[in-house]
């Protein structure tokens, strides 16, 4: 019983079914959407790939070397993960063609960057702050939290498409939560992985040469 409990990955039990549902929803949108522009279709396809990679990463990952016990950090991680789903509910007036193109470009760019980051992070992926191994290749050569950058950029596209003050406020909240998550994860990684301190001194947190 002890061995079974120790090997139980609660994050996997939650994230894999959730990602499967989102992947099915995106697949339905891709196959049934009509009159959708190329950028919008590409954005939906990338989102589907993003959820497929989440499933792949969670299925492959092993036990964490350390896990945050902070309730506040856990809540911030969960809210930041779910917040992008709120943007379609905050939609206002019909968006102009130019605004829609900008929104779609941001969505495609941010999601593509997130996919690269997620593929590089691989089995080290976790929604809550955990430490497994130091990843220093791919986009992690330049920044320590590239996945958060991708999510911030793609969510900015959603906020622009929504055209409401509430959507802008939701995006600013997301940025704040991601910065907090990055800071908290740093503490877990520094206290667990001996090589992380060296990696941290030569790599920016969220933007190259900034912060």
Protein backbone atom coordinates (compact mmCIF):
# COMPACT_ATOMS: atom_id res chain seq x y z
CA UNK A 1 0.00 0.00 0.00
CA UNK A 2 2.85 2.38 0.85
CA UNK A 3 4.57 1.72 -2.48
CA UNK A 4 1.35 2.31 -4.41
CA UNK A 5 0.70 5.59 -2.58
CA UNK A 6 4.23 6.79 -3.13
CA UNK A 7 3.99 6.17 -6.86
CA UNK A 8 0.58 7.80 -7.25
CA UNK A 9 0.92 10.90 -9.44
CA UNK A 10 -2.09 13.06 -8.61
CA UNK A 11 -1.11 15.65 -11.21
CA UNK A 12 -1.16 12.99 -13.90
CA UNK A 13 -4.58 11.74 -12.78
CA UNK A 14 -5.96 15.28 -13.10
CA UNK A 15 -4.10 16.70 -16.09
CA UNK A 16 -4.20 13.77 -18.50
CA UNK A 17 -8.03 13.41 -18.55
CA UNK A 18 -8.40 17.20 -18.64
CA UNK A 19 -5.98 17.52 -21.56
CA UNK A 20 -7.74 14.66 -23.38
CA UNK A 21 -11.06 16.51 -23.08
CA UNK A 22 -9.52 19.74 -24.38
CA UNK A 23 -7.83 17.88 -27.22
CA UNK A 24 -11.17 16.34 -28.24
CA UNK A 25 -12.83 19.77 -28.07
CA UNK A 26 -10.16 21.34 -30.29
CA UNK A 27 -10.34 18.41 -32.71
CA UNK A 28 -14.10 18.96 -32.97
CA UNK A 29 -13.57 22.68 -33.65
CA UNK A 30 -10.98 21.93 -36.33
CA UNK A 31 -13.22 19.46 -38.14
CA UNK A 32 -16.50 21.41 -37.87
CA UNK A 33 -15.48 25.06 -38.12
CA UNK A 34 -16.53 26.75 -41.35
CA UNK A 35 -15.46 30.12 -42.70
CA UNK A 36 -12.46 30.26 -40.36
CA UNK A 37 -9.39 32.10 -41.55
CA UNK A 38 -6.05 30.38 -42.01
CA UNK A 39 -4.49 32.01 -38.95
CA UNK A 40 -7.42 31.05 -36.72
CA UNK A 41 -7.36 27.47 -38.03
CA UNK A 42 -3.61 27.29 -37.45
CA UNK A 43 -4.06 28.64 -33.93
CA UNK A 44 -6.63 25.96 -33.13
CA UNK A 45 -4.38 23.27 -34.59
CA UNK A 46 -1.46 24.44 -32.45
CA UNK A 47 -3.64 24.48 -29.35
CA UNK A 48 -4.63 20.87 -30.07
CA UNK A 49 -0.95 19.95 -30.43
CA UNK A 50 -0.22 21.74 -27.16
CA UNK A 51 -2.72 19.55 -25.29
CA UNK A 52 -1.37 16.44 -26.99
CA UNK A 53 2.10 17.32 -25.72
CA UNK A 54 0.75 17.84 -22.19
CA UNK A 55 -0.60 14.29 -22.27
CA UNK A 56 2.72 13.00 -23.61
CA UNK A 57 4.72 14.82 -20.92
CA UNK A 58 2.55 13.78 -17.99
CA UNK A 59 2.45 10.13 -19.07
CA UNK A 60 6.26 10.01 -19.33
CA UNK A 61 7.25 11.96 -16.24
CA UNK A 62 8.70 10.34 -13.13
CA UNK A 63 8.46 11.31 -9.46
CA UNK A 64 9.49 14.81 -8.40
CA UNK A 65 12.56 15.37 -6.24
CA UNK A 66 10.72 18.13 -4.38
CA UNK A 67 7.22 19.60 -4.41
CA UNK A 68 6.01 22.94 -3.11
CA UNK A 69 3.77 22.77 -0.05
CA UNK A 70 2.50 26.35 -0.40
CA UNK A 71 -1.29 26.56 -0.72
CA UNK A 72 -0.96 30.06 -2.18
CA UNK A 73 1.45 28.84 -4.85
CA UNK A 74 -0.82 25.92 -5.71
CA UNK A 75 -3.82 28.23 -6.01
CA UNK A 76 -1.87 30.65 -8.21
CA UNK A 77 -0.80 27.78 -10.49
CA UNK A 78 -4.33 26.42 -10.86
CA UNK A 79 -5.87 29.86 -11.48
CA UNK A 80 -3.18 30.76 -14.04
CA UNK A 81 -3.77 27.45 -15.83
CA UNK A 82 -7.55 27.90 -15.99
CA UNK A 83 -7.68 31.68 -16.56
CA UNK A 84 -7.21 31.56 -20.39
CA UNK A 85 -10.49 29.63 -20.63
CA UNK A 86 -12.28 32.69 -19.24
CA UNK A 87 -11.43 34.97 -22.16
CA UNK A 88 -14.18 33.68 -24.50
CA UNK A 89 -16.66 34.53 -21.72
CA UNK A 90 -15.40 38.14 -21.58
CA UNK A 91 -16.01 38.95 -25.25
CA UNK A 92 -17.50 42.35 -26.08
CA UNK A 93 -18.22 44.05 -29.41
CA UNK A 94 -17.35 42.43 -32.70
CA UNK A 95 -13.65 42.76 -33.34
CA UNK A 96 -12.35 44.60 -36.42
CA UNK A 97 -10.44 42.71 -39.10
CA UNK A 98 -7.14 44.36 -38.20
CA UNK A 99 -7.58 43.63 -34.51
CA UNK A 100 -8.53 40.04 -35.29
CA UNK A 101 -5.35 39.55 -37.34
CA UNK A 102 -3.20 40.93 -34.52
CA UNK A 103 -4.97 38.68 -32.02
CA UNK A 104 -4.52 35.60 -34.23
CA UNK A 105 -0.83 36.35 -34.85
CA UNK A 106 -0.22 36.63 -31.09
CA UNK A 107 -2.16 33.43 -30.45
CA UNK A 108 -0.24 31.49 -33.10
CA UNK A 109 3.14 32.90 -32.07
CA UNK A 110 2.59 32.36 -28.35
CA UNK A 111 1.21 28.86 -28.79
CA UNK A 112 4.03 27.83 -31.15
CA UNK A 113 6.59 29.09 -28.63
CA UNK A 114 4.74 27.23 -25.85
CA UNK A 115 4.82 24.02 -27.88
CA UNK A 116 8.58 24.32 -28.37
CA UNK A 117 9.02 25.01 -24.66
CA UNK A 118 6.75 22.13 -23.67
CA UNK A 119 8.48 19.71 -26.03
CA UNK A 120 11.84 20.75 -24.57
CA UNK A 121 10.64 20.54 -20.97
CA UNK A 122 9.22 17.07 -21.60
CA UNK A 123 8.87 14.87 -18.53
CA UNK A 124 9.83 17.77 -16.22
CA UNK A 125 6.43 19.41 -16.80
CA UNK A 126 4.30 20.23 -13.77
CA UNK A 127 1.50 22.72 -13.10
CA UNK A 128 2.42 23.14 -9.44
CA UNK A 129 6.00 23.95 -8.45
CA UNK A 130 8.12 20.80 -8.49
CA UNK A 131 11.79 20.00 -9.06
CA UNK A 132 12.99 17.19 -11.30
CA UNK A 133 15.96 18.09 -13.53
CA UNK A 134 17.55 21.25 -14.92
CA UNK A 135 16.60 21.87 -18.57
CA UNK A 136 19.06 24.22 -20.30
CA UNK A 137 18.51 23.64 -24.04
CA UNK A 138 15.94 24.80 -26.57
CA UNK A 139 14.28 28.07 -25.45
CA UNK A 140 15.63 27.37 -21.95
CA UNK A 141 19.02 28.50 -23.23
CA UNK A 142 17.76 32.09 -23.14
CA UNK A 143 15.08 32.21 -20.44
CA UNK A 144 14.26 30.06 -17.44
CA UNK A 145 10.46 30.13 -17.88
CA UNK A 146 9.74 30.20 -21.64
CA UNK A 147 6.48 28.30 -21.24
CA UNK A 148 5.05 31.17 -19.20
CA UNK A 149 6.14 33.65 -21.89
CA UNK A 150 4.26 31.67 -24.54
CA UNK A 151 1.13 31.54 -22.40
CA UNK A 152 1.30 35.28 -21.70
CA UNK A 153 1.67 36.11 -25.41
CA UNK A 154 -1.08 33.76 -26.60
CA UNK A 155 -3.42 35.00 -23.86
CA UNK A 156 -2.72 38.58 -24.93
CA UNK A 157 -4.13 37.57 -28.31
CA UNK A 158 -7.26 36.28 -26.60
CA UNK A 159 -7.58 39.50 -24.59
CA UNK A 160 -7.25 41.65 -27.71
CA UNK A 161 -9.89 39.57 -29.49
CA UNK A 162 -12.24 39.96 -26.51
CA UNK A 163 -12.08 43.80 -26.73
CA UNK A 164 -13.27 44.36 -23.13
CA UNK A 165 -11.76 45.96 -20.04
CA UNK A 166 -12.50 42.81 -18.05
CA UNK A 167 -10.44 40.76 -20.53
CA UNK A 168 -7.54 43.20 -20.18
CA UNK A 169 -7.76 42.93 -16.39
CA UNK A 170 -7.81 39.13 -16.66
CA UNK A 171 -4.67 39.25 -18.80
CA UNK A 172 -2.89 41.52 -16.30
CA UNK A 173 -3.86 39.09 -13.54
CA UNK A 174 -2.44 36.23 -15.60
CA UNK A 175 0.88 38.08 -16.03
CA UNK A 176 1.05 38.72 -12.28
CA UNK A 177 0.33 35.07 -11.48
CA UNK A 178 2.95 33.82 -13.93
CA UNK A 179 5.60 36.10 -12.45
CA UNK A 180 4.68 34.87 -8.96
CA UNK A 181 4.82 31.24 -10.12
CA UNK A 182 8.24 31.79 -11.68
CA UNK A 183 9.57 33.35 -8.48
CA UNK A 184 8.21 30.55 -6.29
CA UNK A 185 9.50 27.81 -8.57
CA UNK A 186 12.94 29.39 -8.41
CA UNK A 187 13.03 28.77 -4.66
CA UNK A 188 12.10 25.09 -5.05
CA UNK A 189 14.64 24.54 -7.82
CA UNK A 190 17.44 26.38 -6.03
CA UNK A 191 16.89 24.38 -2.87
CA UNK A 192 16.75 21.03 -4.63
CA UNK A 193 18.94 21.00 -7.75
CA UNK A 194 22.64 21.86 -7.13
CA UNK A 195 23.28 22.91 -10.74
CA UNK A 196 20.31 25.27 -10.94
CA UNK A 197 22.11 28.17 -9.28
CA UNK A 198 24.77 28.21 -12.01
CA UNK A 199 22.12 27.97 -14.73
CA UNK A 200 20.21 30.80 -13.07
CA UNK A 201 23.17 33.18 -13.06
CA UNK A 202 23.60 32.97 -16.83
CA UNK A 203 19.95 32.89 -17.94
CA UNK A 204 17.20 35.50 -17.70
CA UNK A 205 13.92 34.64 -15.98
CA UNK A 206 11.25 35.71 -18.48
CA UNK A 207 12.89 38.08 -20.97
CA UNK A 208 16.50 37.88 -22.22
CA UNK A 209 18.68 40.41 -20.37
CA UNK A 210 15.65 41.55 -18.33
CA UNK A 211 14.47 40.42 -14.84
